[in-house]
Amino acid sequence: MRRLLLFLFSGALVAGAAVPAFAQDAKVARGAELFTEQKCILCHGLQGKGNAKRTLDGVGNHIDAPTVKLWLTDPKAAAAKAATKDTVTMKSFATLPAADIDALVAYVLSLK
């Protein structure tokens, strides 16, 4: 089993992936759980549910990880950087553990 994991991991690095696919899948799954736990659907729409004014459908196609992380940890700075005219009412999730922030970022980026 160890050899198989080592083989899979080294293959992912050779292929240019920084994280093996199964680890990334687990991170995205954890991000989806956090999205539900943190009640993000109250302010954001997704797949026809939630707030249609701030839908996240397809957001992974036009946003990068640092920007998602900024929105999660410092929404006011993210809004200023985006020059949005909307009043920013998004709460900061900066108090979440770093692994949870990373999982939420992975999940949002998966929304293509």
PDB file of N, CA and C in Angstrom:
ATOM      1  N   MET A   1       0.828  -1.192   0.000  1.00  0.00           N
ATOM      2  CA  MET A   1       0.000   0.000   0.000  1.00  0.00           C
ATOM      3  C   MET A   1       0.872   1.257   0.000  1.00  0.00           C
ATOM      4  N   ARG A   2       1.933   1.246   0.823  1.00  0.00           N
ATOM      5  CA  ARG A   2       2.823   2.405   0.871  1.00  0.00           C
ATOM      6  C   ARG A   2       3.444   2.684  -0.487  1.00  0.00           C
ATOM      7  N   ARG A   3       3.845   1.612  -1.166  1.00  0.00           N
ATOM      8  CA  ARG A   3       4.454   1.788  -2.482  1.00  0.00           C
ATOM      9  C   ARG A   3       3.456   2.371  -3.475  1.00  0.00           C
ATOM     10  N   LEU A   4       2.216   1.919  -3.397  1.00  0.00           N
ATOM     11  CA  LEU A   4       1.186   2.439  -4.292  1.00  0.00           C
ATOM     12  C   LEU A   4       0.967   3.933  -4.053  1.00  0.00           C
ATOM     13  N   LEU A   5       0.863   4.326  -2.784  1.00  0.00           N
ATOM     14  CA  LEU A   5       0.676   5.744  -2.473  1.00  0.00           C
ATOM     15  C   LEU A   5       1.877   6.567  -2.910  1.00  0.00           C
ATOM     16  N   LEU A   6       3.074   6.042  -2.668  1.00  0.00           N
ATOM     17  CA  LEU A   6       4.288   6.741  -3.096  1.00  0.00           C
ATOM     18  C   LEU A   6       4.305   6.889  -4.610  1.00  0.00           C
ATOM     19  N   PHE A   7       3.933   5.820  -5.320  1.00  0.00           N
ATOM     20  CA  PHE A   7       3.875   5.858  -6.778  1.00  0.00           C
ATOM     21  C   PHE A   7       2.863   6.896  -7.264  1.00  0.00           C
ATOM     22  N   LEU A   8       1.675   6.872  -6.675  1.00  0.00           N
ATOM     23  CA  LEU A   8       0.639   7.822  -7.075  1.00  0.00           C
ATOM     24  C   LEU A   8       1.062   9.251  -6.795  1.00  0.00           C
ATOM     25  N   PHE A   9       1.639   9.488  -5.625  1.00  0.00           N
ATOM     26  CA  PHE A   9       2.063  10.825  -5.252  1.00  0.00           C
ATOM     27  C   PHE A   9       3.181  11.308  -6.162  1.00  0.00           C
ATOM     28  N   SER A  10       4.190  10.462  -6.401  1.00  0.00           N
ATOM     29  CA  SER A  10       5.302  10.887  -7.257  1.00  0.00           C
ATOM     30  C   SER A  10       4.829  11.103  -8.687  1.00  0.00           C
ATOM     31  N   GLY A  11       3.868  10.301  -9.133  1.00  0.00           N
ATOM     32  CA  GLY A  11       3.314  10.494 -10.471  1.00  0.00           C
ATOM     33  C   GLY A  11       2.616  11.830 -10.599  1.00  0.00           C
ATOM     34  N   ALA A  12       1.912  12.235  -9.543  1.00  0.00           N
ATOM     35  CA  ALA A  12       1.228  13.530  -9.573  1.00  0.00           C
ATOM     36  C   ALA A  12       2.236  14.663  -9.621  1.00  0.00           C
ATOM     37  N   LEU A  13       3.353  14.516  -8.901  1.00  0.00           N
ATOM     38  CA  LEU A  13       4.364  15.574  -8.922  1.00  0.00           C
ATOM     39  C   LEU A  13       5.035  15.650 -10.279  1.00  0.00           C
ATOM     40  N   VAL A  14       5.319  14.497 -10.882  1.00  0.00           N
ATOM     41  CA  VAL A  14       5.926  14.485 -12.203  1.00  0.00           C
ATOM     42  C   VAL A  14       4.989  15.109 -13.226  1.00  0.00           C
ATOM     43  N   ALA A  15       3.701  14.855 -13.068  1.00  0.00           N
ATOM     44  CA  ALA A  15       2.724  15.413 -14.002  1.00  0.00           C
ATOM     45  C   ALA A  15       2.521  16.908 -13.806  1.00  0.00           C
ATOM     46  N   GLY A  16       3.140  17.477 -12.768  1.00  0.00           N
ATOM     47  CA  GLY A  16       3.042  18.908 -12.544  1.00  0.00           C
ATOM     48  C   GLY A  16       1.978  19.294 -11.536  1.00  0.00           C
ATOM     49  N   ALA A  17       1.292  18.335 -10.957  1.00  0.00           N
ATOM     50  CA  ALA A  17       0.263  18.645  -9.957  1.00  0.00           C
ATOM     51  C   ALA A  17       0.932  18.800  -8.606  1.00  0.00           C
ATOM     52  N   ALA A  18       0.601  19.852  -7.899  1.00  0.00           N
ATOM     53  CA  ALA A  18       1.184  20.090  -6.584  1.00  0.00           C
ATOM     54  C   ALA A  18       0.546  19.203  -5.525  1.00  0.00           C
ATOM     55  N   VAL A  19      -0.698  18.810  -5.736  1.00  0.00           N
ATOM     56  CA  VAL A  19      -1.437  18.005  -4.773  1.00  0.00           C
ATOM     57  C   VAL A  19      -2.042  16.831  -5.520  1.00  0.00           C
ATOM     58  N   PRO A  20      -1.888  15.604  -4.970  1.00  0.00           N
ATOM     59  CA  PRO A  20      -2.526  14.464  -5.642  1.00  0.00           C
ATOM     60  C   PRO A  20      -4.028  14.696  -5.787  1.00  0.00           C
ATOM     61  N   ALA A  21      -4.601  14.146  -6.842  1.00  0.00           N
ATOM     62  CA  ALA A  21      -6.024  14.368  -7.139  1.00  0.00           C
ATOM     63  C   ALA A  21      -6.919  13.941  -5.993  1.00  0.00           C
ATOM     64  N   PHE A  22      -6.620  12.806  -5.351  1.00  0.00           N
ATOM     65  CA  PHE A  22      -7.493  12.352  -4.267  1.00  0.00           C
ATOM     66  C   PHE A  22      -7.461  13.308  -3.086  1.00  0.00           C
ATOM     67  N   ALA A  23      -6.326  13.945  -2.830  1.00  0.00           N
ATOM     68  CA  ALA A  23      -6.241  14.920  -1.743  1.00  0.00           C
ATOM     69  C   ALA A  23      -7.032  16.174  -2.098  1.00  0.00           C
ATOM     70  N   GLN A  24      -6.958  16.594  -3.350  1.00  0.00           N
ATOM     71  CA  GLN A  24      -7.711  17.761  -3.796  1.00  0.00           C
ATOM     72  C   GLN A  24      -9.210  17.488  -3.724  1.00  0.00           C
ATOM     73  N   ASP A  25      -9.614  16.264  -4.105  1.00  0.00           N
ATOM     74  CA  ASP A  25     -11.025  15.891  -4.021  1.00  0.00           C
ATOM     75  C   ASP A  25     -11.518  15.960  -2.577  1.00  0.00           C
ATOM     76  N   ALA A  26     -10.701  15.503  -1.652  1.00  0.00           N
ATOM     77  CA  ALA A  26     -11.070  15.545  -0.235  1.00  0.00           C
ATOM     78  C   ALA A  26     -11.181  16.993   0.243  1.00  0.00           C
ATOM     79  N   LYS A  27     -10.298  17.849  -0.251  1.00  0.00           N
ATOM     80  CA  LYS A  27     -10.331  19.262   0.127  1.00  0.00           C
ATOM     81  C   LYS A  27     -11.599  19.934  -0.398  1.00  0.00           C
ATOM     82  N   VAL A  28     -11.966  19.626  -1.631  1.00  0.00           N
ATOM     83  CA  VAL A  28     -13.187  20.179  -2.223  1.00  0.00           C
ATOM     84  C   VAL A  28     -14.406  19.678  -1.448  1.00  0.00           C
ATOM     85  N   ALA A  29     -14.412  18.403  -1.095  1.00  0.00           N
ATOM     86  CA  ALA A  29     -15.531  17.839  -0.327  1.00  0.00           C
ATOM     87  C   ALA A  29     -15.645  18.515   1.032  1.00  0.00           C
ATOM     88  N   ARG A  30     -14.524  18.749   1.684  1.00  0.00           N
ATOM     89  CA  ARG A  30     -14.547  19.456   2.977  1.00  0.00           C
ATOM     90  C   ARG A  30     -15.045  20.883   2.782  1.00  0.00           C
ATOM     91  N   GLY A  31     -14.643  21.530   1.705  1.00  0.00           N
ATOM     92  CA  GLY A  31     -15.123  22.876   1.412  1.00  0.00           C
ATOM     93  C   GLY A  31     -16.627  22.918   1.216  1.00  0.00           C
ATOM     94  N   ALA A  32     -17.179  21.898   0.563  1.00  0.00           N
ATOM     95  CA  ALA A  32     -18.629  21.817   0.375  1.00  0.00           C
ATOM     96  C   ALA A  32     -19.331  21.675   1.717  1.00  0.00           C
ATOM     97  N   GLU A  33     -18.753  20.870   2.607  1.00  0.00           N
ATOM     98  CA  GLU A  33     -19.322  20.724   3.961  1.00  0.00           C
ATOM     99  C   GLU A  33     -19.303  22.066   4.692  1.00  0.00           C
ATOM    100  N   LEU A  34     -18.185  22.766   4.604  1.00  0.00           N
ATOM    101  CA  LEU A  34     -18.064  24.065   5.274  1.00  0.00           C
ATOM    102  C   LEU A  34     -19.041  25.082   4.687  1.00  0.00           C
ATOM    103  N   PHE A  35     -19.237  25.035   3.379  1.00  0.00           N
ATOM    104  CA  PHE A  35     -20.184  25.928   2.714  1.00  0.00           C
ATOM    105  C   PHE A  35     -21.562  25.762   3.348  1.00  0.00           C
ATOM    106  N   THR A  36     -21.934  24.520   3.622  1.00  0.00           N
ATOM    107  CA  THR A  36     -23.216  24.232   4.265  1.00  0.00           C
ATOM    108  C   THR A  36     -23.185  24.627   5.730  1.00  0.00           C
ATOM    109  N   GLU A  37     -22.141  24.217   6.456  1.00  0.00           N
ATOM    110  CA  GLU A  37     -22.032  24.506   7.888  1.00  0.00           C
ATOM    111  C   GLU A  37     -22.045  26.002   8.184  1.00  0.00           C
ATOM    112  N   GLN A  38     -21.386  26.773   7.335  1.00  0.00           N
ATOM    113  CA  GLN A  38     -21.282  28.217   7.554  1.00  0.00           C
ATOM    114  C   GLN A  38     -22.483  28.975   6.989  1.00  0.00           C
ATOM    115  N   LYS A  39     -23.435  28.226   6.416  1.00  0.00           N
ATOM    116  CA  LYS A  39     -24.676  28.789   5.883  1.00  0.00           C
ATOM    117  C   LYS A  39     -24.428  29.836   4.787  1.00  0.00           C
ATOM    118  N   CYS A  40     -23.458  29.564   3.940  1.00  0.00           N
ATOM    119  CA  CYS A  40     -23.119  30.477   2.846  1.00  0.00           C
ATOM    120  C   CYS A  40     -24.283  30.661   1.875  1.00  0.00           C
ATOM    121  N   ILE A  41     -25.150  29.659   1.798  1.00  0.00           N
ATOM    122  CA  ILE A  41     -26.285  29.690   0.875  1.00  0.00           C
ATOM    123  C   ILE A  41     -27.289  30.789   1.236  1.00  0.00           C
ATOM    124  N   LEU A  42     -27.220  31.302   2.452  1.00  0.00           N
ATOM    125  CA  LEU A  42     -28.119  32.390   2.834  1.00  0.00           C
ATOM    126  C   LEU A  42     -27.826  33.664   2.040  1.00  0.00           C
ATOM    127  N   CYS A  43     -26.569  33.844   1.676  1.00  0.00           N
ATOM    128  CA  CYS A  43     -26.176  35.051   0.946  1.00  0.00           C
ATOM    129  C   CYS A  43     -25.777  34.780  -0.499  1.00  0.00           C
ATOM    130  N   HIS A  44     -25.431  33.549  -0.805  1.00  0.00           N
ATOM    131  CA  HIS A  44     -24.980  33.189  -2.147  1.00  0.00           C
ATOM    132  C   HIS A  44     -25.899  32.144  -2.758  1.00  0.00           C
ATOM    133  N   GLY A  45     -26.155  32.277  -4.043  1.00  0.00           N
ATOM    134  CA  GLY A  45     -26.933  31.280  -4.766  1.00  0.00           C
ATOM    135  C   GLY A  45     -26.024  30.237  -5.373  1.00  0.00           C
ATOM    136  N   LEU A  46     -26.575  29.043  -5.523  1.00  0.00           N
ATOM    137  CA  LEU A  46     -25.825  27.958  -6.128  1.00  0.00           C
ATOM    138  C   LEU A  46     -26.803  26.927  -6.663  1.00  0.00           C
ATOM    139  N   GLN A  47     -26.705  26.640  -7.937  1.00  0.00           N
ATOM    140  CA  GLN A  47     -27.555  25.644  -8.596  1.00  0.00           C
ATOM    141  C   GLN A  47     -29.040  25.878  -8.340  1.00  0.00           C
ATOM    142  N   GLY A  48     -29.460  27.121  -8.472  1.00  0.00           N
ATOM    143  CA  GLY A  48     -30.867  27.467  -8.339  1.00  0.00           C
ATOM    144  C   GLY A  48     -31.368  27.589  -6.910  1.00  0.00           C
ATOM    145  N   LYS A  49     -30.505  27.457  -5.936  1.00  0.00           N
ATOM    146  CA  LYS A  49     -30.901  27.591  -4.533  1.00  0.00           C
ATOM    147  C   LYS A  49     -30.166  28.776  -3.922  1.00  0.00           C
ATOM    148  N   GLY A  50     -30.756  29.343  -2.881  1.00  0.00           N
ATOM    149  CA  GLY A  50     -30.112  30.445  -2.181  1.00  0.00           C
ATOM    150  C   GLY A  50     -30.397  31.789  -2.814  1.00  0.00           C
ATOM    151  N   ASN A  51     -29.534  32.746  -2.549  1.00  0.00           N
ATOM    152  CA  ASN A  51     -29.693  34.123  -2.998  1.00  0.00           C
ATOM    153  C   ASN A  51     -29.259  34.264  -4.459  1.00  0.00           C
ATOM    154  N   ALA A  52     -30.209  34.484  -5.325  1.00  0.00           N
ATOM    155  CA  ALA A  52     -29.930  34.582  -6.761  1.00  0.00           C
ATOM    156  C   ALA A  52     -29.131  35.835  -7.127  1.00  0.00           C
ATOM    157  N   LYS A  53     -29.091  36.828  -6.237  1.00  0.00           N
ATOM    158  CA  LYS A  53     -28.355  38.069  -6.534  1.00  0.00           C
ATOM    159  C   LYS A  53     -26.843  37.860  -6.475  1.00  0.00           C
ATOM    160  N   ARG A  54     -26.408  36.908  -5.699  1.00  0.00           N
ATOM    161  CA  ARG A  54     -24.971  36.666  -5.553  1.00  0.00           C
ATOM    162  C   ARG A  54     -24.663  35.194  -5.808  1.00  0.00           C
ATOM    163  N   THR A  55     -25.023  34.743  -7.004  1.00  0.00           N
ATOM    164  CA  THR A  55     -24.813  33.343  -7.341  1.00  0.00           C
ATOM    165  C   THR A  55     -23.333  33.028  -7.550  1.00  0.00           C
ATOM    166  N   LEU A  56     -22.968  31.839  -7.169  1.00  0.00           N
ATOM    167  CA  LEU A  56     -21.585  31.389  -7.348  1.00  0.00           C
ATOM    168  C   LEU A  56     -21.459  30.388  -8.495  1.00  0.00           C
ATOM    169  N   ASP A  57     -22.542  30.154  -9.216  1.00  0.00           N
ATOM    170  CA  ASP A  57     -22.484  29.248 -10.362  1.00  0.00           C
ATOM    171  C   ASP A  57     -21.435  29.740 -11.353  1.00  0.00           C
ATOM    172  N   GLY A  58     -20.490  28.894 -11.679  1.00  0.00           N
ATOM    173  CA  GLY A  58     -19.468  29.216 -12.669  1.00  0.00           C
ATOM    174  C   GLY A  58     -18.354  30.121 -12.185  1.00  0.00           C
ATOM    175  N   VAL A  59     -18.360  30.498 -10.916  1.00  0.00           N
ATOM    176  CA  VAL A  59     -17.352  31.446 -10.423  1.00  0.00           C
ATOM    177  C   VAL A  59     -15.936  30.890 -10.547  1.00  0.00           C
ATOM    178  N   GLY A  60     -15.788  29.574 -10.481  1.00  0.00           N
ATOM    179  CA  GLY A  60     -14.461  28.973 -10.597  1.00  0.00           C
ATOM    180  C   GLY A  60     -13.810  29.179 -11.947  1.00  0.00           C
ATOM    181  N   ASN A  61     -14.598  29.597 -12.929  1.00  0.00           N
ATOM    182  CA  ASN A  61     -14.052  29.856 -14.267  1.00  0.00           C
ATOM    183  C   ASN A  61     -13.364  31.206 -14.382  1.00  0.00           C
ATOM    184  N   HIS A  62     -13.629  32.109 -13.454  1.00  0.00           N
ATOM    185  CA  HIS A  62     -13.080  33.464 -13.636  1.00  0.00           C
ATOM    186  C   HIS A  62     -12.562  34.108 -12.352  1.00  0.00           C
ATOM    187  N   ILE A  63     -12.072  33.281 -11.440  1.00  0.00           N
ATOM    188  CA  ILE A  63     -11.495  33.812 -10.204  1.00  0.00           C
ATOM    189  C   ILE A  63     -10.307  32.943  -9.833  1.00  0.00           C
ATOM    190  N   ASP A  64      -9.343  33.520  -9.135  1.00  0.00           N
ATOM    191  CA  ASP A  64      -8.178  32.733  -8.727  1.00  0.00           C
ATOM    192  C   ASP A  64      -8.176  32.531  -7.213  1.00  0.00           C
ATOM    193  N   ALA A  65      -7.339  31.625  -6.761  1.00  0.00           N
ATOM    194  CA  ALA A  65      -7.285  31.252  -5.346  1.00  0.00           C
ATOM    195  C   ALA A  65      -6.987  32.436  -4.422  1.00  0.00           C
ATOM    196  N   PRO A  66      -5.994  33.286  -4.730  1.00  0.00           N
ATOM    197  CA  PRO A  66      -5.739  34.418  -3.826  1.00  0.00           C
ATOM    198  C   PRO A  66      -6.942  35.357  -3.679  1.00  0.00           C
ATOM    199  N   THR A  67      -7.693  35.532  -4.762  1.00  0.00           N
ATOM    200  CA  THR A  67      -8.863  36.406  -4.694  1.00  0.00           C
ATOM    201  C   THR A  67      -9.958  35.787  -3.841  1.00  0.00           C
ATOM    202  N   VAL A  68     -10.202  34.489  -3.997  1.00  0.00           N
ATOM    203  CA  VAL A  68     -11.203  33.813  -3.164  1.00  0.00           C
ATOM    204  C   VAL A  68     -10.796  33.910  -1.698  1.00  0.00           C
ATOM    205  N   LYS A  69      -9.526  33.662  -1.423  1.00  0.00           N
ATOM    206  CA  LYS A  69      -9.037  33.728  -0.041  1.00  0.00           C
ATOM    207  C   LYS A  69      -9.219  35.132   0.532  1.00  0.00           C
ATOM    208  N   LEU A  70      -8.961  36.150  -0.267  1.00  0.00           N
ATOM    209  CA  LEU A  70      -9.149  37.525   0.196  1.00  0.00           C
ATOM    210  C   LEU A  70     -10.618  37.788   0.505  1.00  0.00           C
ATOM    211  N   TRP A  71     -11.535  37.315  -0.367  1.00  0.00           N
ATOM    212  CA  TRP A  71     -12.967  37.492  -0.098  1.00  0.00           C
ATOM    213  C   TRP A  71     -13.361  36.817   1.210  1.00  0.00           C
ATOM    214  N   LEU A  72     -12.754  35.669   1.501  1.00  0.00           N
ATOM    215  CA  LEU A  72     -13.109  34.937   2.720  1.00  0.00           C
ATOM    216  C   LEU A  72     -12.521  35.570   3.977  1.00  0.00           C
ATOM    217  N   THR A  73     -11.333  36.124   3.877  1.00  0.00           N
ATOM    218  CA  THR A  73     -10.648  36.616   5.069  1.00  0.00           C
ATOM    219  C   THR A  73     -10.737  38.127   5.266  1.00  0.00           C
ATOM    220  N   ASP A  74     -10.935  38.877   4.185  1.00  0.00           N
ATOM    221  CA  ASP A  74     -11.036  40.335   4.287  1.00  0.00           C
ATOM    222  C   ASP A  74     -11.950  40.853   3.171  1.00  0.00           C
ATOM    223  N   PRO A  75     -13.257  40.633   3.327  1.00  0.00           N
ATOM    224  CA  PRO A  75     -14.197  40.998   2.259  1.00  0.00           C
ATOM    225  C   PRO A  75     -14.160  42.471   1.861  1.00  0.00           C
ATOM    226  N   LYS A  76     -13.910  43.357   2.814  1.00  0.00           N
ATOM    227  CA  LYS A  76     -13.868  44.783   2.477  1.00  0.00           C
ATOM    228  C   LYS A  76     -12.693  45.091   1.560  1.00  0.00           C
ATOM    229  N   ALA A  77     -11.548  44.499   1.833  1.00  0.00           N
ATOM    230  CA  ALA A  77     -10.378  44.698   0.971  1.00  0.00           C
ATOM    231  C   ALA A  77     -10.621  44.084  -0.398  1.00  0.00           C
ATOM    232  N   ALA A  78     -11.271  42.923  -0.435  1.00  0.00           N
ATOM    233  CA  ALA A  78     -11.577  42.274  -1.710  1.00  0.00           C
ATOM    234  C   ALA A  78     -12.524  43.138  -2.539  1.00  0.00           C
ATOM    235  N   ALA A  79     -13.518  43.726  -1.887  1.00  0.00           N
ATOM    236  CA  ALA A  79     -14.469  44.580  -2.597  1.00  0.00           C
ATOM    237  C   ALA A  79     -13.768  45.826  -3.129  1.00  0.00           C
ATOM    238  N   ALA A  80     -12.863  46.391  -2.340  1.00  0.00           N
ATOM    239  CA  ALA A  80     -12.125  47.568  -2.793  1.00  0.00           C
ATOM    240  C   ALA A  80     -11.247  47.217  -3.992  1.00  0.00           C
ATOM    241  N   LYS A  81     -10.605  46.050  -3.937  1.00  0.00           N
ATOM    242  CA  LYS A  81      -9.752  45.606  -5.039  1.00  0.00           C
ATOM    243  C   LYS A  81     -10.579  45.357  -6.299  1.00  0.00           C
ATOM    244  N   ALA A  82     -11.780  44.833  -6.119  1.00  0.00           N
ATOM    245  CA  ALA A  82     -12.657  44.541  -7.256  1.00  0.00           C
ATOM    246  C   ALA A  82     -13.389  45.782  -7.736  1.00  0.00           C
ATOM    247  N   ALA A  83     -13.284  46.876  -6.984  1.00  0.00           N
ATOM    248  CA  ALA A  83     -13.978  48.128  -7.296  1.00  0.00           C
ATOM    249  C   ALA A  83     -15.465  47.890  -7.485  1.00  0.00           C
ATOM    250  N   THR A  84     -16.037  47.073  -6.620  1.00  0.00           N
ATOM    251  CA  THR A  84     -17.462  46.792  -6.696  1.00  0.00           C
ATOM    252  C   THR A  84     -18.253  47.942  -6.097  1.00  0.00           C
ATOM    253  N   LYS A  85     -19.401  48.204  -6.670  1.00  0.00           N
ATOM    254  CA  LYS A  85     -20.251  49.274  -6.170  1.00  0.00           C
ATOM    255  C   LYS A  85     -21.213  48.766  -5.110  1.00  0.00           C
ATOM    256  N   ASP A  86     -21.294  47.442  -4.964  1.00  0.00           N
ATOM    257  CA  ASP A  86     -22.164  46.852  -3.948  1.00  0.00           C
ATOM    258  C   ASP A  86     -21.643  47.160  -2.558  1.00  0.00           C
ATOM    259  N   THR A  87     -22.551  47.326  -1.637  1.00  0.00           N
ATOM    260  CA  THR A  87     -22.171  47.440  -0.246  1.00  0.00           C
ATOM    261  C   THR A  87     -21.765  46.051   0.220  1.00  0.00           C
ATOM    262  N   VAL A  88     -20.592  45.949   0.796  1.00  0.00           N
ATOM    263  CA  VAL A  88     -20.086  44.651   1.216  1.00  0.00           C
ATOM    264  C   VAL A  88     -20.645  44.317   2.586  1.00  0.00           C
ATOM    265  N   THR A  89     -21.433  43.269   2.623  1.00  0.00           N
ATOM    266  CA  THR A  89     -22.002  42.813   3.888  1.00  0.00           C
ATOM    267  C   THR A  89     -21.498  41.416   4.240  1.00  0.00           C
ATOM    268  N   MET A  90     -20.623  40.889   3.414  1.00  0.00           N
ATOM    269  CA  MET A  90     -20.094  39.551   3.679  1.00  0.00           C
ATOM    270  C   MET A  90     -19.258  39.583   4.941  1.00  0.00           C
ATOM    271  N   LYS A  91     -19.491  38.580   5.790  1.00  0.00           N
ATOM    272  CA  LYS A  91     -18.691  38.506   7.008  1.00  0.00           C
ATOM    273  C   LYS A  91     -17.347  37.875   6.696  1.00  0.00           C
ATOM    274  N   SER A  92     -16.386  38.178   7.513  1.00  0.00           N
ATOM    275  CA  SER A  92     -15.060  37.598   7.370  1.00  0.00           C
ATOM    276  C   SER A  92     -15.032  36.214   8.023  1.00  0.00           C
ATOM    277  N   PHE A  93     -14.347  35.304   7.375  1.00  0.00           N
ATOM    278  CA  PHE A  93     -14.154  33.966   7.920  1.00  0.00           C
ATOM    279  C   PHE A  93     -12.702  33.764   8.341  1.00  0.00           C
ATOM    280  N   ALA A  94     -12.013  34.862   8.621  1.00  0.00           N
ATOM    281  CA  ALA A  94     -10.598  34.821   8.969  1.00  0.00           C
ATOM    282  C   ALA A  94     -10.316  34.012  10.231  1.00  0.00           C
ATOM    283  N   THR A  95     -11.326  33.816  11.060  1.00  0.00           N
ATOM    284  CA  THR A  95     -11.106  33.060  12.301  1.00  0.00           C
ATOM    285  C   THR A  95     -11.163  31.547  12.084  1.00  0.00           C
ATOM    286  N   LEU A  96     -11.569  31.116  10.901  1.00  0.00           N
ATOM    287  CA  LEU A  96     -11.562  29.680  10.613  1.00  0.00           C
ATOM    288  C   LEU A  96     -10.118  29.184  10.521  1.00  0.00           C
ATOM    289  N   PRO A  97      -9.891  27.920  10.836  1.00  0.00           N
ATOM    290  CA  PRO A  97      -8.538  27.369  10.666  1.00  0.00           C
ATOM    291  C   PRO A  97      -8.082  27.472   9.210  1.00  0.00           C
ATOM    292  N   ALA A  98      -6.786  27.602   9.020  1.00  0.00           N
ATOM    293  CA  ALA A  98      -6.223  27.756   7.676  1.00  0.00           C
ATOM    294  C   ALA A  98      -6.636  26.606   6.756  1.00  0.00           C
ATOM    295  N   ALA A  99      -6.703  25.394   7.271  1.00  0.00           N
ATOM    296  CA  ALA A  99      -7.108  24.245   6.453  1.00  0.00           C
ATOM    297  C   ALA A  99      -8.544  24.403   5.968  1.00  0.00           C
ATOM    298  N   ASP A 100      -9.402  24.977   6.800  1.00  0.00           N
ATOM    299  CA  ASP A 100     -10.787  25.204   6.389  1.00  0.00           C
ATOM    300  C   ASP A 100     -10.882  26.292   5.330  1.00  0.00           C
ATOM    301  N   ILE A 101     -10.098  27.340   5.482  1.00  0.00           N
ATOM    302  CA  ILE A 101     -10.060  28.400   4.458  1.00  0.00           C
ATOM    303  C   ILE A 101      -9.602  27.787   3.132  1.00  0.00           C
ATOM    304  N   ASP A 102      -8.546  26.975   3.179  1.00  0.00           N
ATOM    305  CA  ASP A 102      -8.049  26.336   1.963  1.00  0.00           C
ATOM    306  C   ASP A 102      -9.109  25.441   1.331  1.00  0.00           C
ATOM    307  N   ALA A 103      -9.878  24.740   2.163  1.00  0.00           N
ATOM    308  CA  ALA A 103     -10.936  23.865   1.653  1.00  0.00           C
ATOM    309  C   ALA A 103     -12.045  24.682   0.990  1.00  0.00           C
ATOM    310  N   LEU A 104     -12.425  25.792   1.607  1.00  0.00           N
ATOM    311  CA  LEU A 104     -13.436  26.654   0.997  1.00  0.00           C
ATOM    312  C   LEU A 104     -12.939  27.235  -0.328  1.00  0.00           C
ATOM    313  N   VAL A 105     -11.685  27.614  -0.376  1.00  0.00           N
ATOM    314  CA  VAL A 105     -11.105  28.124  -1.623  1.00  0.00           C
ATOM    315  C   VAL A 105     -11.175  27.044  -2.698  1.00  0.00           C
ATOM    316  N   ALA A 106     -10.775  25.826  -2.356  1.00  0.00           N
ATOM    317  CA  ALA A 106     -10.814  24.729  -3.319  1.00  0.00           C
ATOM    318  C   ALA A 106     -12.227  24.472  -3.812  1.00  0.00           C
ATOM    319  N   TYR A 107     -13.182  24.537  -2.894  1.00  0.00           N
ATOM    320  CA  TYR A 107     -14.576  24.313  -3.276  1.00  0.00           C
ATOM    321  C   TYR A 107     -15.078  25.397  -4.222  1.00  0.00           C
ATOM    322  N   VAL A 108     -14.833  26.644  -3.889  1.00  0.00           N
ATOM    323  CA  VAL A 108     -15.285  27.744  -4.748  1.00  0.00           C
ATOM    324  C   VAL A 108     -14.635  27.637  -6.138  1.00  0.00           C
ATOM    325  N   LEU A 109     -13.350  27.292  -6.184  1.00  0.00           N
ATOM    326  CA  LEU A 109     -12.685  27.157  -7.470  1.00  0.00           C
ATOM    327  C   LEU A 109     -13.228  25.978  -8.280  1.00  0.00           C
ATOM    328  N   SER A 110     -13.839  25.009  -7.605  1.00  0.00           N
ATOM    329  CA  SER A 110     -14.412  23.858  -8.311  1.00  0.00           C
ATOM    330  C   SER A 110     -15.767  24.168  -8.944  1.00  0.00           C
ATOM    331  N   LEU A 111     -16.336  25.311  -8.627  1.00  0.00           N
ATOM    332  CA  LEU A 111     -17.671  25.676  -9.126  1.00  0.00           C
ATOM    333  C   LEU A 111     -17.543  26.241 -10.541  1.00  0.00           C
ATOM    334  N   LYS A 112     -17.464  25.347 -11.487  1.00  0.00           N
ATOM    335  CA  LYS A 112     -17.246  25.761 -12.890  1.00  0.00           C
ATOM    336  C   LYS A 112     -18.485  25.604 -13.705  1.00  0.00           C
TER     337      LYS A 112
END
